[in-house]
């Protein structure tokens, strides 16, 4: 069975200006995706406003993407678990800005 081993997000001509009023996420502690309901859960551990959880549909998160800048930065990676299997997936992404996720 094929498995995802790396996740790399890139941007091309998607510049943005940082809004003066913003909140920055510095560390994501974990998350989940429920394929039947298409609900994404993201547990933010460190941010300018403290820890919190984002829970929204995949479509709502996609609609919130405004832009990105820079080359992909390498992150520590994620552990994907499903059906008692744990798989390490390397992660790289540029700085991404979103609007409020409704």
PDB file of N, CA and C in Angstrom:
ATOM      1  N   UNK A   1       0.841  -1.168   0.000  1.00  0.00           N
ATOM      2  CA  UNK A   1       0.000   0.000   0.000  1.00  0.00           C
ATOM      3  C   UNK A   1       0.894   1.242   0.000  1.00  0.00           C
ATOM      4  N   UNK A   2       0.613   2.186  -0.886  1.00  0.00           N
ATOM      5  CA  UNK A   2       1.402   3.418  -0.946  1.00  0.00           C
ATOM      6  C   UNK A   2       1.053   4.326   0.232  1.00  0.00           C
ATOM      7  N   UNK A   3       2.059   4.963   0.783  1.00  0.00           N
ATOM      8  CA  UNK A   3       1.873   5.871   1.915  1.00  0.00           C
ATOM      9  C   UNK A   3       2.534   7.207   1.604  1.00  0.00           C
ATOM     10  N   UNK A   4       1.955   8.280   2.124  1.00  0.00           N
ATOM     11  CA  UNK A   4       2.569   9.588   1.982  1.00  0.00           C
ATOM     12  C   UNK A   4       3.774   9.645   2.918  1.00  0.00           C
ATOM     13  N   UNK A   5       4.945   9.988   2.366  1.00  0.00           N
ATOM     14  CA  UNK A   5       6.147  10.063   3.190  1.00  0.00           C
ATOM     15  C   UNK A   5       6.587  11.497   3.443  1.00  0.00           C
ATOM     16  N   UNK A   6       6.208  12.426   2.587  1.00  0.00           N
ATOM     17  CA  UNK A   6       6.555  13.835   2.750  1.00  0.00           C
ATOM     18  C   UNK A   6       5.404  14.704   2.276  1.00  0.00           C
ATOM     19  N   UNK A   7       5.235  15.838   2.936  1.00  0.00           N
ATOM     20  CA  UNK A   7       4.240  16.825   2.537  1.00  0.00           C
ATOM     21  C   UNK A   7       4.982  18.130   2.317  1.00  0.00           C
ATOM     22  N   UNK A   8       4.984  18.630   1.086  1.00  0.00           N
ATOM     23  CA  UNK A   8       5.668  19.883   0.771  1.00  0.00           C
ATOM     24  C   UNK A   8       4.657  20.821   0.129  1.00  0.00           C
ATOM     25  N   UNK A   9       4.476  21.990   0.733  1.00  0.00           N
ATOM     26  CA  UNK A   9       3.566  23.006   0.216  1.00  0.00           C
ATOM     27  C   UNK A   9       4.425  24.125  -0.351  1.00  0.00           C
ATOM     28  N   UNK A  10       4.129  24.541  -1.574  1.00  0.00           N
ATOM     29  CA  UNK A  10       4.864  25.629  -2.206  1.00  0.00           C
ATOM     30  C   UNK A  10       3.885  26.712  -2.635  1.00  0.00           C
ATOM     31  N   UNK A  11       4.406  27.902  -2.870  1.00  0.00           N
ATOM     32  CA  UNK A  11       3.580  29.000  -3.360  1.00  0.00           C
ATOM     33  C   UNK A  11       4.248  29.601  -4.586  1.00  0.00           C
ATOM     34  N   UNK A  12       3.436  30.082  -5.503  1.00  0.00           N
ATOM     35  CA  UNK A  12       3.927  30.783  -6.682  1.00  0.00           C
ATOM     36  C   UNK A  12       3.086  32.036  -6.863  1.00  0.00           C
ATOM     37  N   UNK A  13       3.735  33.183  -6.779  1.00  0.00           N
ATOM     38  CA  UNK A  13       3.042  34.467  -6.967  1.00  0.00           C
ATOM     39  C   UNK A  13       1.804  34.602  -6.084  1.00  0.00           C
ATOM     40  N   UNK A  14       1.953  34.305  -4.822  1.00  0.00           N
ATOM     41  CA  UNK A  14       0.840  34.433  -3.876  1.00  0.00           C
ATOM     42  C   UNK A  14       1.217  35.397  -2.754  1.00  0.00           C
ATOM     43  N   UNK A  15       1.756  36.579  -3.099  1.00  0.00           N
ATOM     44  CA  UNK A  15       2.221  37.497  -2.052  1.00  0.00           C
ATOM     45  C   UNK A  15       1.048  38.083  -1.264  1.00  0.00           C
ATOM     46  N   UNK A  16       1.353  38.577  -0.091  1.00  0.00           N
ATOM     47  CA  UNK A  16       0.340  39.210   0.735  1.00  0.00           C
ATOM     48  C   UNK A  16       1.014  40.230   1.629  1.00  0.00           C
ATOM     49  N   UNK A  17       0.239  41.174   2.099  1.00  0.00           N
ATOM     50  CA  UNK A  17       0.709  42.134   3.092  1.00  0.00           C
ATOM     51  C   UNK A  17       0.187  41.665   4.441  1.00  0.00           C
ATOM     52  N   UNK A  18       1.075  41.632   5.433  1.00  0.00           N
ATOM     53  CA  UNK A  18       0.632  41.222   6.769  1.00  0.00           C
ATOM     54  C   UNK A  18      -0.308  42.269   7.340  1.00  0.00           C
ATOM     55  N   UNK A  19      -1.465  41.862   7.811  1.00  0.00           N
ATOM     56  CA  UNK A  19      -2.367  42.824   8.441  1.00  0.00           C
ATOM     57  C   UNK A  19      -1.779  43.304   9.765  1.00  0.00           C
ATOM     58  N   UNK A  20      -2.076  44.544  10.124  1.00  0.00           N
ATOM     59  CA  UNK A  20      -1.568  45.070  11.393  1.00  0.00           C
ATOM     60  C   UNK A  20      -2.119  44.270  12.569  1.00  0.00           C
ATOM     61  N   UNK A  21      -3.389  43.941  12.509  1.00  0.00           N
ATOM     62  CA  UNK A  21      -4.012  43.154  13.576  1.00  0.00           C
ATOM     63  C   UNK A  21      -3.996  41.688  13.150  1.00  0.00           C
ATOM     64  N   UNK A  22      -3.175  40.893  13.835  1.00  0.00           N
ATOM     65  CA  UNK A  22      -3.050  39.485  13.469  1.00  0.00           C
ATOM     66  C   UNK A  22      -2.626  38.669  14.676  1.00  0.00           C
ATOM     67  N   UNK A  23      -2.774  37.380  14.546  1.00  0.00           N
ATOM     68  CA  UNK A  23      -2.344  36.429  15.552  1.00  0.00           C
ATOM     69  C   UNK A  23      -1.420  35.447  14.846  1.00  0.00           C
ATOM     70  N   UNK A  24      -0.268  35.162  15.438  1.00  0.00           N
ATOM     71  CA  UNK A  24       0.688  34.247  14.821  1.00  0.00           C
ATOM     72  C   UNK A  24       0.737  32.930  15.581  1.00  0.00           C
ATOM     73  N   UNK A  25       0.683  31.838  14.828  1.00  0.00           N
ATOM     74  CA  UNK A  25       0.802  30.493  15.390  1.00  0.00           C
ATOM     75  C   UNK A  25       2.262  30.081  15.291  1.00  0.00           C
ATOM     76  N   UNK A  26       2.837  29.626  16.409  1.00  0.00           N
ATOM     77  CA  UNK A  26       4.246  29.230  16.441  1.00  0.00           C
ATOM     78  C   UNK A  26       4.434  27.723  16.552  1.00  0.00           C
ATOM     79  N   UNK A  27       3.454  27.010  17.099  1.00  0.00           N
ATOM     80  CA  UNK A  27       3.586  25.560  17.246  1.00  0.00           C
ATOM     81  C   UNK A  27       2.212  24.898  17.220  1.00  0.00           C
ATOM     82  N   UNK A  28       2.069  23.927  16.329  1.00  0.00           N
ATOM     83  CA  UNK A  28       0.858  23.112  16.272  1.00  0.00           C
ATOM     84  C   UNK A  28       1.164  21.800  16.980  1.00  0.00           C
ATOM     85  N   UNK A  29       0.335  21.449  17.969  1.00  0.00           N
ATOM     86  CA  UNK A  29       0.585  20.252  18.774  1.00  0.00           C
ATOM     87  C   UNK A  29       0.024  18.991  18.138  1.00  0.00           C
ATOM     88  N   UNK A  30      -0.925  19.127  17.262  1.00  0.00           N
ATOM     89  CA  UNK A  30      -1.516  17.950  16.636  1.00  0.00           C
ATOM     90  C   UNK A  30      -2.811  18.312  15.950  1.00  0.00           C
ATOM     91  N   UNK A  31      -3.456  17.309  15.441  1.00  0.00           N
ATOM     92  CA  UNK A  31      -4.715  17.541  14.756  1.00  0.00           C
ATOM     93  C   UNK A  31      -5.262  16.253  14.195  1.00  0.00           C
ATOM     94  N   UNK A  32      -6.368  16.388  13.499  1.00  0.00           N
ATOM     95  CA  UNK A  32      -7.015  15.208  12.928  1.00  0.00           C
ATOM     96  C   UNK A  32      -7.892  15.630  11.765  1.00  0.00           C
ATOM     97  N   UNK A  33      -8.188  14.662  10.918  1.00  0.00           N
ATOM     98  CA  UNK A  33      -9.128  14.859   9.811  1.00  0.00           C
ATOM     99  C   UNK A  33     -10.107  13.699   9.826  1.00  0.00           C
ATOM    100  N   UNK A  34     -11.382  14.019   9.844  1.00  0.00           N
ATOM    101  CA  UNK A  34     -12.426  12.998   9.822  1.00  0.00           C
ATOM    102  C   UNK A  34     -13.013  12.942   8.416  1.00  0.00           C
ATOM    103  N   UNK A  35     -12.671  11.916   7.634  1.00  0.00           N
ATOM    104  CA  UNK A  35     -13.104  11.874   6.240  1.00  0.00           C
ATOM    105  C   UNK A  35     -14.618  11.808   6.030  1.00  0.00           C
ATOM    106  N   UNK A  36     -15.366  11.230   6.944  1.00  0.00           N
ATOM    107  CA  UNK A  36     -16.818  11.130   6.752  1.00  0.00           C
ATOM    108  C   UNK A  36     -17.511  12.482   6.861  1.00  0.00           C
ATOM    109  N   UNK A  37     -17.058  13.324   7.791  1.00  0.00           N
ATOM    110  CA  UNK A  37     -17.668  14.640   7.978  1.00  0.00           C
ATOM    111  C   UNK A  37     -16.845  15.751   7.341  1.00  0.00           C
ATOM    112  N   UNK A  38     -15.643  15.438   6.900  1.00  0.00           N
ATOM    113  CA  UNK A  38     -14.682  16.402   6.341  1.00  0.00           C
ATOM    114  C   UNK A  38     -14.360  17.516   7.339  1.00  0.00           C
ATOM    115  N   UNK A  39     -14.324  17.176   8.619  1.00  0.00           N
ATOM    116  CA  UNK A  39     -13.969  18.135   9.665  1.00  0.00           C
ATOM    117  C   UNK A  39     -12.486  17.990   9.990  1.00  0.00           C
ATOM    118  N   UNK A  40     -11.806  19.144  10.026  1.00  0.00           N
ATOM    119  CA  UNK A  40     -10.390  19.207  10.367  1.00  0.00           C
ATOM    120  C   UNK A  40     -10.281  19.792  11.772  1.00  0.00           C
ATOM    121  N   UNK A  41      -9.455  19.187  12.605  1.00  0.00           N
ATOM    122  CA  UNK A  41      -9.169  19.703  13.942  1.00  0.00           C
ATOM    123  C   UNK A  41      -7.681  19.998  14.012  1.00  0.00           C
ATOM    124  N   UNK A  42      -7.332  21.222  14.435  1.00  0.00           N
ATOM    125  CA  UNK A  42      -5.932  21.622  14.584  1.00  0.00           C
ATOM    126  C   UNK A  42      -5.754  22.131  16.006  1.00  0.00           C
ATOM    127  N   UNK A  43      -4.864  21.506  16.765  1.00  0.00           N
ATOM    128  CA  UNK A  43      -4.586  21.906  18.144  1.00  0.00           C
ATOM    129  C   UNK A  43      -3.348  22.795  18.160  1.00  0.00           C
ATOM    130  N   UNK A  44      -3.556  24.076  18.395  1.00  0.00           N
ATOM    131  CA  UNK A  44      -2.463  25.047  18.444  1.00  0.00           C
ATOM    132  C   UNK A  44      -1.931  25.087  19.871  1.00  0.00           C
ATOM    133  N   UNK A  45      -0.629  24.829  20.026  1.00  0.00           N
ATOM    134  CA  UNK A  45      -0.018  24.803  21.359  1.00  0.00           C
ATOM    135  C   UNK A  45       0.538  26.164  21.752  1.00  0.00           C
ATOM    136  N   UNK A  46       1.160  26.865  20.799  1.00  0.00           N
ATOM    137  CA  UNK A  46       1.779  28.157  21.105  1.00  0.00           C
ATOM    138  C   UNK A  46       1.370  29.166  20.039  1.00  0.00           C
ATOM    139  N   UNK A  47       0.805  30.277  20.493  1.00  0.00           N
ATOM    140  CA  UNK A  47       0.435  31.379  19.608  1.00  0.00           C
ATOM    141  C   UNK A  47       0.495  32.667  20.419  1.00  0.00           C
ATOM    142  N   UNK A  48       0.299  33.780  19.730  1.00  0.00           N
ATOM    143  CA  UNK A  48       0.294  35.075  20.415  1.00  0.00           C
ATOM    144  C   UNK A  48      -0.832  35.184  21.441  1.00  0.00           C
ATOM    145  N   UNK A  49      -1.890  34.400  21.275  1.00  0.00           N
ATOM    146  CA  UNK A  49      -3.040  34.480  22.188  1.00  0.00           C
ATOM    147  C   UNK A  49      -3.188  33.240  23.065  1.00  0.00           C
ATOM    148  N   UNK A  50      -2.165  32.391  23.076  1.00  0.00           N
ATOM    149  CA  UNK A  50      -2.211  31.185  23.891  1.00  0.00           C
ATOM    150  C   UNK A  50      -2.724  29.990  23.104  1.00  0.00           C
ATOM    151  N   UNK A  51      -2.835  28.834  23.768  1.00  0.00           N
ATOM    152  CA  UNK A  51      -3.287  27.625  23.076  1.00  0.00           C
ATOM    153  C   UNK A  51      -4.784  27.680  22.748  1.00  0.00           C
ATOM    154  N   UNK A  52      -5.146  27.055  21.641  1.00  0.00           N
ATOM    155  CA  UNK A  52      -6.551  26.970  21.252  1.00  0.00           C
ATOM    156  C   UNK A  52      -6.705  25.863  20.213  1.00  0.00           C
ATOM    157  N   UNK A  53      -7.940  25.533  19.889  1.00  0.00           N
ATOM    158  CA  UNK A  53      -8.242  24.497  18.902  1.00  0.00           C
ATOM    159  C   UNK A  53      -9.076  25.090  17.782  1.00  0.00           C
ATOM    160  N   UNK A  54      -8.691  24.780  16.552  1.00  0.00           N
ATOM    161  CA  UNK A  54      -9.478  25.142  15.371  1.00  0.00           C
ATOM    162  C   UNK A  54     -10.229  23.882  14.956  1.00  0.00           C
ATOM    163  N   UNK A  55     -11.534  24.007  14.765  1.00  0.00           N
ATOM    164  CA  UNK A  55     -12.336  22.882  14.279  1.00  0.00           C
ATOM    165  C   UNK A  55     -13.247  23.442  13.194  1.00  0.00           C
ATOM    166  N   UNK A  56     -13.008  23.026  11.948  1.00  0.00           N
ATOM    167  CA  UNK A  56     -13.774  23.564  10.821  1.00  0.00           C
ATOM    168  C   UNK A  56     -13.783  22.556   9.683  1.00  0.00           C
ATOM    169  N   UNK A  57     -14.669  22.798   8.736  1.00  0.00           N
ATOM    170  CA  UNK A  57     -14.716  21.912   7.572  1.00  0.00           C
ATOM    171  C   UNK A  57     -13.492  22.155   6.697  1.00  0.00           C
ATOM    172  N   UNK A  58     -13.152  21.160   5.936  1.00  0.00           N
ATOM    173  CA  UNK A  58     -12.029  21.271   5.010  1.00  0.00           C
ATOM    174  C   UNK A  58     -12.273  22.420   4.030  1.00  0.00           C
ATOM    175  N   UNK A  59     -13.509  22.579   3.580  1.00  0.00           N
ATOM    176  CA  UNK A  59     -13.854  23.655   2.649  1.00  0.00           C
ATOM    177  C   UNK A  59     -13.668  25.029   3.291  1.00  0.00           C
ATOM    178  N   UNK A  60     -14.054  25.185   4.562  1.00  0.00           N
ATOM    179  CA  UNK A  60     -13.899  26.471   5.251  1.00  0.00           C
ATOM    180  C   UNK A  60     -12.430  26.836   5.393  1.00  0.00           C
ATOM    181  N   UNK A  61     -11.600  25.862   5.696  1.00  0.00           N
ATOM    182  CA  UNK A  61     -10.165  26.131   5.812  1.00  0.00           C
ATOM    183  C   UNK A  61      -9.597  26.512   4.455  1.00  0.00           C
ATOM    184  N   UNK A  62      -9.989  25.822   3.404  1.00  0.00           N
ATOM    185  CA  UNK A  62      -9.514  26.155   2.055  1.00  0.00           C
ATOM    186  C   UNK A  62      -9.939  27.570   1.663  1.00  0.00           C
ATOM    187  N   UNK A  63     -11.172  27.971   1.988  1.00  0.00           N
ATOM    188  CA  UNK A  63     -11.659  29.321   1.666  1.00  0.00           C
ATOM    189  C   UNK A  63     -10.899  30.400   2.417  1.00  0.00           C
ATOM    190  N   UNK A  64     -10.343  30.061   3.578  1.00  0.00           N
ATOM    191  CA  UNK A  64      -9.671  31.059   4.410  1.00  0.00           C
ATOM    192  C   UNK A  64      -8.262  31.401   3.927  1.00  0.00           C
ATOM    193  N   UNK A  65      -7.685  30.592   3.039  1.00  0.00           N
ATOM    194  CA  UNK A  65      -6.316  30.839   2.578  1.00  0.00           C
ATOM    195  C   UNK A  65      -6.257  32.115   1.752  1.00  0.00           C
ATOM    196  N   UNK A  66      -5.385  33.052   2.153  1.00  0.00           N
ATOM    197  CA  UNK A  66      -5.252  34.333   1.464  1.00  0.00           C
ATOM    198  C   UNK A  66      -3.988  34.371   0.618  1.00  0.00           C
ATOM    199  N   UNK A  67      -2.884  33.904   1.157  1.00  0.00           N
ATOM    200  CA  UNK A  67      -1.626  33.955   0.423  1.00  0.00           C
ATOM    201  C   UNK A  67      -0.515  33.277   1.190  1.00  0.00           C
ATOM    202  N   UNK A  68       0.670  33.303   0.590  1.00  0.00           N
ATOM    203  CA  UNK A  68       1.846  32.685   1.203  1.00  0.00           C
ATOM    204  C   UNK A  68       3.077  33.415   0.698  1.00  0.00           C
ATOM    205  N   UNK A  69       4.170  33.274   1.424  1.00  0.00           N
ATOM    206  CA  UNK A  69       5.395  33.933   1.000  1.00  0.00           C
ATOM    207  C   UNK A  69       6.601  33.092   1.371  1.00  0.00           C
ATOM    208  N   UNK A  70       7.641  33.205   0.579  1.00  0.00           N
ATOM    209  CA  UNK A  70       8.907  32.546   0.882  1.00  0.00           C
ATOM    210  C   UNK A  70       8.980  31.104   0.429  1.00  0.00           C
ATOM    211  N   UNK A  71      10.194  30.569   0.548  1.00  0.00           N
ATOM    212  CA  UNK A  71      10.429  29.166   0.233  1.00  0.00           C
ATOM    213  C   UNK A  71       9.845  28.299   1.341  1.00  0.00           C
ATOM    214  N   UNK A  72       9.547  27.042   1.036  1.00  0.00           N
ATOM    215  CA  UNK A  72       9.050  26.151   2.085  1.00  0.00           C
ATOM    216  C   UNK A  72      10.063  26.001   3.222  1.00  0.00           C
ATOM    217  N   UNK A  73       9.593  26.146   4.436  1.00  0.00           N
ATOM    218  CA  UNK A  73      10.406  25.939   5.632  1.00  0.00           C
ATOM    219  C   UNK A  73      10.197  24.509   6.093  1.00  0.00           C
ATOM    220  N   UNK A  74      11.253  23.872   6.547  1.00  0.00           N
ATOM    221  CA  UNK A  74      11.136  22.491   7.020  1.00  0.00           C
ATOM    222  C   UNK A  74      10.667  22.496   8.471  1.00  0.00           C
ATOM    223  N   UNK A  75       9.638  21.730   8.747  1.00  0.00           N
ATOM    224  CA  UNK A  75       9.095  21.593  10.088  1.00  0.00           C
ATOM    225  C   UNK A  75       9.464  20.218  10.634  1.00  0.00           C
ATOM    226  N   UNK A  76       9.341  20.025  11.944  1.00  0.00           N
ATOM    227  CA  UNK A  76       9.730  18.729  12.516  1.00  0.00           C
ATOM    228  C   UNK A  76       8.992  17.541  11.913  1.00  0.00           C
ATOM    229  N   UNK A  77       7.856  17.765  11.294  1.00  0.00           N
ATOM    230  CA  UNK A  77       7.094  16.654  10.710  1.00  0.00           C
ATOM    231  C   UNK A  77       5.904  16.309  11.563  1.00  0.00           C
ATOM    232  N   UNK A  78       5.141  15.369  11.088  1.00  0.00           N
ATOM    233  CA  UNK A  78       3.937  14.954  11.791  1.00  0.00           C
ATOM    234  C   UNK A  78       3.892  13.437  11.872  1.00  0.00           C
ATOM    235  N   UNK A  79       3.205  12.963  12.873  1.00  0.00           N
ATOM    236  CA  UNK A  79       2.946  11.528  12.993  1.00  0.00           C
ATOM    237  C   UNK A  79       1.497  11.316  12.583  1.00  0.00           C
ATOM    238  N   UNK A  80       1.291  10.602  11.507  1.00  0.00           N
ATOM    239  CA  UNK A  80      -0.061  10.279  11.041  1.00  0.00           C
ATOM    240  C   UNK A  80      -0.438   8.914  11.584  1.00  0.00           C
ATOM    241  N   UNK A  81      -1.566   8.839  12.252  1.00  0.00           N
ATOM    242  CA  UNK A  81      -1.995   7.538  12.779  1.00  0.00           C
ATOM    243  C   UNK A  81      -3.400   7.243  12.292  1.00  0.00           C
ATOM    244  N   UNK A  82      -3.585   6.045  11.861  1.00  0.00           N
ATOM    245  CA  UNK A  82      -4.882   5.586  11.381  1.00  0.00           C
ATOM    246  C   UNK A  82      -4.897   4.080  11.550  1.00  0.00           C
ATOM    247  N   UNK A  83      -5.926   3.558  12.138  1.00  0.00           N
ATOM    248  CA  UNK A  83      -6.051   2.117  12.320  1.00  0.00           C
ATOM    249  C   UNK A  83      -4.837   1.525  13.024  1.00  0.00           C
ATOM    250  N   UNK A  84      -4.396   2.200  14.086  1.00  0.00           N
ATOM    251  CA  UNK A  84      -3.281   1.753  14.934  1.00  0.00           C
ATOM    252  C   UNK A  84      -1.933   1.772  14.232  1.00  0.00           C
ATOM    253  N   UNK A  85      -1.830   2.450  13.102  1.00  0.00           N
ATOM    254  CA  UNK A  85      -0.540   2.603  12.423  1.00  0.00           C
ATOM    255  C   UNK A  85      -0.046   4.019  12.646  1.00  0.00           C
ATOM    256  N   UNK A  86       1.211   4.171  12.979  1.00  0.00           N
ATOM    257  CA  UNK A  86       1.800   5.496  13.120  1.00  0.00           C
ATOM    258  C   UNK A  86       2.879   5.649  12.071  1.00  0.00           C
ATOM    259  N   UNK A  87       2.773   6.706  11.259  1.00  0.00           N
ATOM    260  CA  UNK A  87       3.703   6.948  10.168  1.00  0.00           C
ATOM    261  C   UNK A  87       4.242   8.362  10.274  1.00  0.00           C
ATOM    262  N   UNK A  88       5.554   8.517  10.190  1.00  0.00           N
ATOM    263  CA  UNK A  88       6.169   9.837  10.204  1.00  0.00           C
ATOM    264  C   UNK A  88       6.070  10.434   8.806  1.00  0.00           C
ATOM    265  N   UNK A  89       5.610  11.687   8.718  1.00  0.00           N
ATOM    266  CA  UNK A  89       5.520  12.394   7.443  1.00  0.00           C
ATOM    267  C   UNK A  89       6.274  13.707   7.589  1.00  0.00           C
ATOM    268  N   UNK A  90       7.356  13.871   6.828  1.00  0.00           N
ATOM    269  CA  UNK A  90       8.103  15.122   6.835  1.00  0.00           C
ATOM    270  C   UNK A  90       7.242  16.247   6.286  1.00  0.00           C
ATOM    271  N   UNK A  91       7.406  17.478   6.801  1.00  0.00           N
ATOM    272  CA  UNK A  91       6.555  18.595   6.400  1.00  0.00           C
ATOM    273  C   UNK A  91       7.382  19.822   6.062  1.00  0.00           C
ATOM    274  N   UNK A  92       7.011  20.497   4.981  1.00  0.00           N
ATOM    275  CA  UNK A  92       7.627  21.763   4.585  1.00  0.00           C
ATOM    276  C   UNK A  92       6.531  22.665   4.050  1.00  0.00           C
ATOM    277  N   UNK A  93       6.554  23.957   4.431  1.00  0.00           N
ATOM    278  CA  UNK A  93       5.537  24.897   3.957  1.00  0.00           C
ATOM    279  C   UNK A  93       6.067  26.318   4.074  1.00  0.00           C
ATOM    280  N   UNK A  94       5.590  27.226   3.206  1.00  0.00           N
ATOM    281  CA  UNK A  94       5.946  28.636   3.345  1.00  0.00           C
ATOM    282  C   UNK A  94       5.116  29.264   4.465  1.00  0.00           C
ATOM    283  N   UNK A  95       5.388  30.527   4.771  1.00  0.00           N
ATOM    284  CA  UNK A  95       4.551  31.269   5.709  1.00  0.00           C
ATOM    285  C   UNK A  95       3.207  31.482   5.012  1.00  0.00           C
ATOM    286  N   UNK A  96       2.129  31.104   5.680  1.00  0.00           N
ATOM    287  CA  UNK A  96       0.786  31.168   5.089  1.00  0.00           C
ATOM    288  C   UNK A  96      -0.077  32.104   5.924  1.00  0.00           C
ATOM    289  N   UNK A  97      -0.898  32.903   5.250  1.00  0.00           N
ATOM    290  CA  UNK A  97      -1.837  33.763   5.966  1.00  0.00           C
ATOM    291  C   UNK A  97      -3.256  33.347   5.597  1.00  0.00           C
ATOM    292  N   UNK A  98      -4.118  33.348   6.604  1.00  0.00           N
ATOM    293  CA  UNK A  98      -5.527  33.008   6.394  1.00  0.00           C
ATOM    294  C   UNK A  98      -6.397  34.126   6.940  1.00  0.00           C
ATOM    295  N   UNK A  99      -7.610  34.183   6.451  1.00  0.00           N
ATOM    296  CA  UNK A  99      -8.603  35.061   7.057  1.00  0.00           C
ATOM    297  C   UNK A  99      -9.205  34.304   8.236  1.00  0.00           C
ATOM    298  N   UNK A 100     -10.152  34.920   8.891  1.00  0.00           N
ATOM    299  CA  UNK A 100     -10.844  34.234   9.982  1.00  0.00           C
ATOM    300  C   UNK A 100     -11.517  32.984   9.430  1.00  0.00           C
ATOM    301  N   UNK A 101     -11.372  31.875  10.134  1.00  0.00           N
ATOM    302  CA  UNK A 101     -11.974  30.618   9.692  1.00  0.00           C
ATOM    303  C   UNK A 101     -13.348  30.506  10.324  1.00  0.00           C
ATOM    304  N   UNK A 102     -14.369  30.525   9.491  1.00  0.00           N
ATOM    305  CA  UNK A 102     -15.752  30.486   9.979  1.00  0.00           C
ATOM    306  C   UNK A 102     -16.342  29.122   9.803  1.00  0.00           C
TER     307      UNK A 102
END
